Amino acid sequence: MIAENLHRIEQEIQESCALVSRNPKEITMVAVTKSVDSTTARELVELGMTDLAENRVDKLLDKKQSLSNYQQIKWHLIGNLQRRKVKLIINEIDYFHALDSLRLAQEIQKRAEHQIKCFIEVNVSGEESKHGIKPDELQTFIDELAGLEKIQVIGLMTMAPYDASQSEIRNVFSTLRQLQESVKKQNLQYAPCTELSMGMSQDFKTAIEEGATFVRIGTALFKKG
């Protein structure tokens, strides 16, 4: 089942790239394993998946321990991170997808033993329930991070509203791409901002058409039938 789902998603990624003349190698599929156990996650790794994501600190640490034999895994924390948990997780991950405040960045700076690849989470849709900084606050936030050498802003991340129309979803993703390009043009060493983490099981094809380089797939990998 998982092998079939993975094959289908890989095909859909190729098709979405072909629509907009992109190379599928530009896309990193991140498997969101928060809803499955370590045995299922191991099956994915055995099928060739190298990027795994969790949205909770404890779950990521547990999975990493269970899959410690697989040195090729890159671990992504995609959920909101409380400052008091930074010391537990920050040196255990390869990517952090939800940097959304200066105080959190300062805690990472304090606890990290090496430079951390971060995505700034931007609340493009303006939903009250979502984390992330406002689009019009992005440049100020980028400027505030200048002295924190443990933070490398490799890109931006967002989530489209779950029940939005296709045009609304596309607008969220295209807005994030415009923001990303505006940061990238500044050629900041600490914020190259070349990547876009956007698109999940229900909307990753649209995200790829709008420039996503990291897509976060969970439900579509594990659904039955």
Protein backbone atom coordinates (compact mmCIF):
# COMPACT_ATOMS: atom_id res chain seq x y z
CA MET A 1 0.00 0.00 0.00
CA ILE A 2 2.66 2.51 1.03
CA ALA A 3 4.84 1.57 -1.94
CA GLU A 4 1.91 2.15 -4.30
CA ASN A 5 1.05 5.48 -2.68
CA LEU A 6 4.68 6.62 -2.84
CA HIS A 7 4.94 5.69 -6.51
CA ARG A 8 1.71 7.55 -7.31
CA ILE A 9 2.83 10.70 -5.48
CA GLU A 10 6.20 10.63 -7.22
CA GLN A 11 4.38 10.42 -10.55
CA GLU A 12 2.12 13.34 -9.59
CA ILE A 13 5.17 15.40 -8.65
CA GLN A 14 6.70 14.68 -12.06
CA GLU A 15 3.44 15.62 -13.81
CA SER A 16 3.12 18.87 -11.85
CA CYS A 17 6.72 19.78 -12.68
CA ALA A 18 6.15 19.03 -16.37
CA LEU A 19 3.18 21.44 -16.44
CA VAL A 20 5.43 24.36 -15.51
CA SER A 21 8.72 23.13 -17.06
CA ARG A 22 10.42 22.35 -13.75
CA ASN A 23 12.90 19.60 -12.96
CA PRO A 24 11.43 17.07 -10.45
CA LYS A 25 14.88 16.93 -8.82
CA GLU A 26 14.16 20.45 -7.49
CA ILE A 27 11.45 18.99 -5.25
CA THR A 28 12.17 17.38 -1.88
CA MET A 29 9.29 15.23 -0.69
CA VAL A 30 9.16 15.27 3.11
CA ALA A 31 7.20 12.37 4.59
CA VAL A 32 5.13 13.53 7.55
CA THR A 33 5.08 10.49 9.83
CA LYS A 34 3.20 11.98 12.79
CA SER A 35 0.18 9.69 12.31
CA VAL A 36 2.11 6.41 11.99
CA ASP A 37 4.39 4.31 14.15
CA SER A 38 8.11 3.72 13.74
CA THR A 39 7.57 0.42 11.93
CA THR A 40 5.58 2.18 9.21
CA ALA A 41 8.13 4.98 9.03
CA ARG A 42 10.85 2.33 8.65
CA GLU A 43 8.97 0.88 5.68
CA LEU A 44 9.12 4.27 3.99
CA VAL A 45 12.85 4.55 4.60
CA GLU A 46 13.36 1.06 3.16
CA LEU A 47 11.51 2.29 0.05
CA GLY A 48 14.06 5.07 -0.36
CA MET A 49 12.57 8.02 1.53
CA THR A 50 15.29 10.06 3.23
CA ASP A 51 13.34 13.05 4.62
CA LEU A 52 10.99 12.47 7.57
CA ALA A 53 9.00 15.05 9.50
CA GLU A 54 7.24 15.27 12.84
CA ASN A 55 5.34 18.19 14.34
CA ARG A 56 6.01 17.32 17.99
CA VAL A 57 9.34 17.23 19.77
CA ASP A 58 8.72 14.03 21.75
CA LYS A 59 7.47 12.11 18.72
CA LEU A 60 10.47 13.14 16.63
CA LEU A 61 12.93 12.11 19.33
CA ASP A 62 11.18 8.74 19.72
CA LYS A 63 11.21 8.04 15.97
CA LYS A 64 14.81 9.12 15.61
CA GLN A 65 15.80 6.72 18.38
CA SER A 66 13.82 3.87 16.81
CA LEU A 67 15.36 4.49 13.38
CA SER A 68 18.89 5.23 14.58
CA ASN A 69 20.37 2.58 12.28
CA TYR A 70 19.36 4.65 9.24
CA GLN A 71 22.02 7.33 9.07
CA GLN A 72 20.67 8.67 5.76
CA ILE A 73 17.51 10.11 7.34
CA LYS A 74 17.16 13.87 7.43
CA TRP A 75 14.84 14.97 10.22
CA HIS A 76 12.43 17.89 9.81
CA LEU A 77 10.53 19.54 12.66
CA ILE A 78 7.49 21.12 11.06
CA GLY A 79 5.37 22.07 14.06
CA ASN A 80 5.30 24.99 16.45
CA LEU A 81 8.29 24.89 18.82
CA GLN A 82 8.05 26.15 22.40
CA ARG A 83 11.18 27.92 23.60
CA ARG A 84 11.53 25.65 26.64
CA LYS A 85 11.85 22.63 24.30
CA VAL A 86 14.50 24.11 22.02
CA LYS A 87 17.36 22.60 24.03
CA LEU A 88 15.84 19.11 23.67
CA ILE A 89 15.46 19.11 19.90
CA ILE A 90 17.50 21.72 18.07
CA ASN A 91 20.66 19.62 17.73
CA GLU A 92 18.67 16.53 16.73
CA ILE A 93 17.15 17.93 13.53
CA ASP A 94 18.35 18.88 10.06
CA TYR A 95 15.59 21.36 9.19
CA PHE A 96 13.20 23.51 11.21
CA HIS A 97 10.15 24.68 9.26
CA ALA A 98 8.41 26.98 11.75
CA LEU A 99 10.62 29.87 12.87
CA ASP A 100 8.14 32.59 13.76
CA SER A 101 9.56 34.89 16.45
CA LEU A 102 12.73 36.66 17.45
CA ARG A 103 12.62 35.17 20.96
CA LEU A 104 12.52 31.67 19.49
CA ALA A 105 15.42 32.54 17.18
CA GLN A 106 17.42 33.84 20.12
CA GLU A 107 16.80 30.61 22.05
CA ILE A 108 17.97 28.59 19.04
CA GLN A 109 21.06 30.79 18.86
CA LYS A 110 21.74 30.05 22.51
CA ARG A 111 21.24 26.27 22.32
CA ALA A 112 22.41 25.25 18.83
CA GLU A 113 25.81 23.64 18.46
CA HIS A 114 25.90 24.27 14.72
CA GLN A 115 24.07 26.36 12.13
CA ILE A 116 20.42 25.35 11.82
CA LYS A 117 18.60 25.37 8.47
CA CYS A 118 15.37 27.26 9.14
CA PHE A 119 12.27 28.20 7.24
CA ILE A 120 10.46 31.31 8.44
CA GLU A 121 6.77 30.51 8.84
CA VAL A 122 4.61 33.18 7.22
CA ASN A 123 0.87 33.37 7.87
CA VAL A 124 -0.05 34.42 4.35
CA SER A 125 -3.75 33.58 4.71
CA GLY A 126 -4.14 35.62 7.90
CA GLU A 127 -6.01 32.83 9.71
CA GLU A 128 -6.16 33.40 13.45
CA SER A 129 -5.63 29.70 14.15
CA LYS A 130 -2.31 29.59 12.32
CA HIS A 131 1.15 30.44 13.59
CA GLY A 132 3.56 32.53 11.56
CA ILE A 133 4.54 36.12 11.06
CA LYS A 134 2.53 38.54 8.96
CA PRO A 135 3.78 39.13 5.42
CA ASP A 136 4.31 42.84 6.08
CA GLU A 137 6.52 41.99 9.08
CA LEU A 138 8.83 39.65 7.17
CA GLN A 139 11.49 42.17 6.21
CA THR A 140 11.78 43.52 9.76
CA PHE A 141 12.13 39.95 11.05
CA ILE A 142 14.82 39.15 8.48
CA ASP A 143 16.75 42.25 9.58
CA GLU A 144 16.46 41.23 13.25
CA LEU A 145 18.09 37.86 12.54
CA ALA A 146 21.25 39.42 11.10
CA GLY A 147 23.47 38.84 14.14
CA LEU A 148 22.38 35.27 14.90
CA GLU A 149 25.02 33.14 13.18
CA LYS A 150 23.43 29.83 14.24
CA ILE A 151 20.32 30.62 12.18
CA GLN A 152 20.40 30.15 8.42
CA VAL A 153 17.15 31.20 6.73
CA ILE A 154 17.07 28.82 3.79
CA GLY A 155 13.50 29.68 2.86
CA LEU A 156 9.91 30.44 3.78
CA MET A 157 7.06 28.16 4.81
CA THR A 158 3.28 28.50 4.80
CA MET A 159 0.06 26.49 4.88
CA ALA A 160 -2.96 27.26 2.76
CA PRO A 161 -6.42 27.17 4.41
CA TYR A 162 -7.72 23.60 4.34
CA ASP A 163 -11.12 24.45 2.89
CA ALA A 164 -10.08 27.27 0.54
CA SER A 165 -10.93 27.40 -3.15
CA GLN A 166 -8.30 26.50 -5.73
CA SER A 167 -7.75 30.16 -6.61
CA GLU A 168 -7.33 31.12 -2.94
CA ILE A 169 -4.79 28.32 -2.42
CA ARG A 170 -2.87 29.38 -5.51
CA ASN A 171 -2.86 32.98 -4.30
CA VAL A 172 -1.40 31.98 -0.90
CA PHE A 173 1.40 30.04 -2.57
CA SER A 174 2.20 32.67 -5.19
CA THR A 175 2.30 35.36 -2.49
CA LEU A 176 4.83 33.32 -0.50
CA ARG A 177 6.95 32.90 -3.61
CA GLN A 178 6.98 36.67 -4.17
CA LEU A 179 8.07 37.18 -0.56
CA GLN A 180 10.78 34.56 -0.92
CA GLU A 181 12.10 36.16 -4.09
CA SER A 182 12.23 39.57 -2.42
CA VAL A 183 14.44 38.17 0.37
CA LYS A 184 16.59 36.13 -2.03
CA LYS A 185 17.39 39.24 -4.10
CA GLN A 186 19.06 40.82 -1.07
CA ASN A 187 21.89 38.24 -1.25
CA LEU A 188 22.13 37.93 2.53
CA GLN A 189 24.65 35.35 3.65
CA TYR A 190 22.57 34.38 6.69
CA ALA A 191 19.31 34.32 4.69
CA PRO A 192 19.87 32.93 1.18
CA CYS A 193 16.13 32.11 1.12
CA THR A 194 16.28 29.88 -1.94
CA GLU A 195 13.63 27.37 -0.75
CA LEU A 196 9.86 27.24 -0.39
CA SER A 197 8.23 24.77 2.01
CA MET A 198 4.58 24.68 1.00
CA GLY A 199 2.03 22.14 -0.10
CA MET A 200 0.60 19.13 1.72
CA SER A 201 -1.31 16.02 0.62
CA GLN A 202 -4.34 17.95 -0.63
CA ASP A 203 -2.57 20.82 -2.40
CA PHE A 204 1.05 19.90 -3.16
CA LYS A 205 0.47 19.84 -6.94
CA THR A 206 -0.65 23.47 -6.89
CA ALA A 207 2.27 24.32 -4.59
CA ILE A 208 4.76 22.81 -7.05
CA GLU A 209 3.23 24.81 -9.90
CA GLU A 210 3.77 27.93 -7.78
CA GLY A 211 7.41 27.16 -6.95
CA ALA A 212 7.52 24.85 -3.91
CA THR A 213 10.84 23.08 -3.38
CA PHE A 214 9.83 21.15 -0.22
CA VAL A 215 6.39 19.49 -0.04
CA ARG A 216 5.15 17.91 3.20
CA ILE A 217 3.16 14.74 2.49
CA GLY A 218 1.45 12.68 5.18
CA THR A 219 -2.13 11.51 4.56
CA ALA A 220 -1.60 10.65 0.89
CA LEU A 221 1.30 8.32 1.75
CA PHE A 222 -0.60 6.26 4.30
CA LYS A 223 -4.18 6.16 3.10
CA LYS A 224 -5.70 2.79 2.29
CA GLY A 225 -7.28 1.96 -1.06
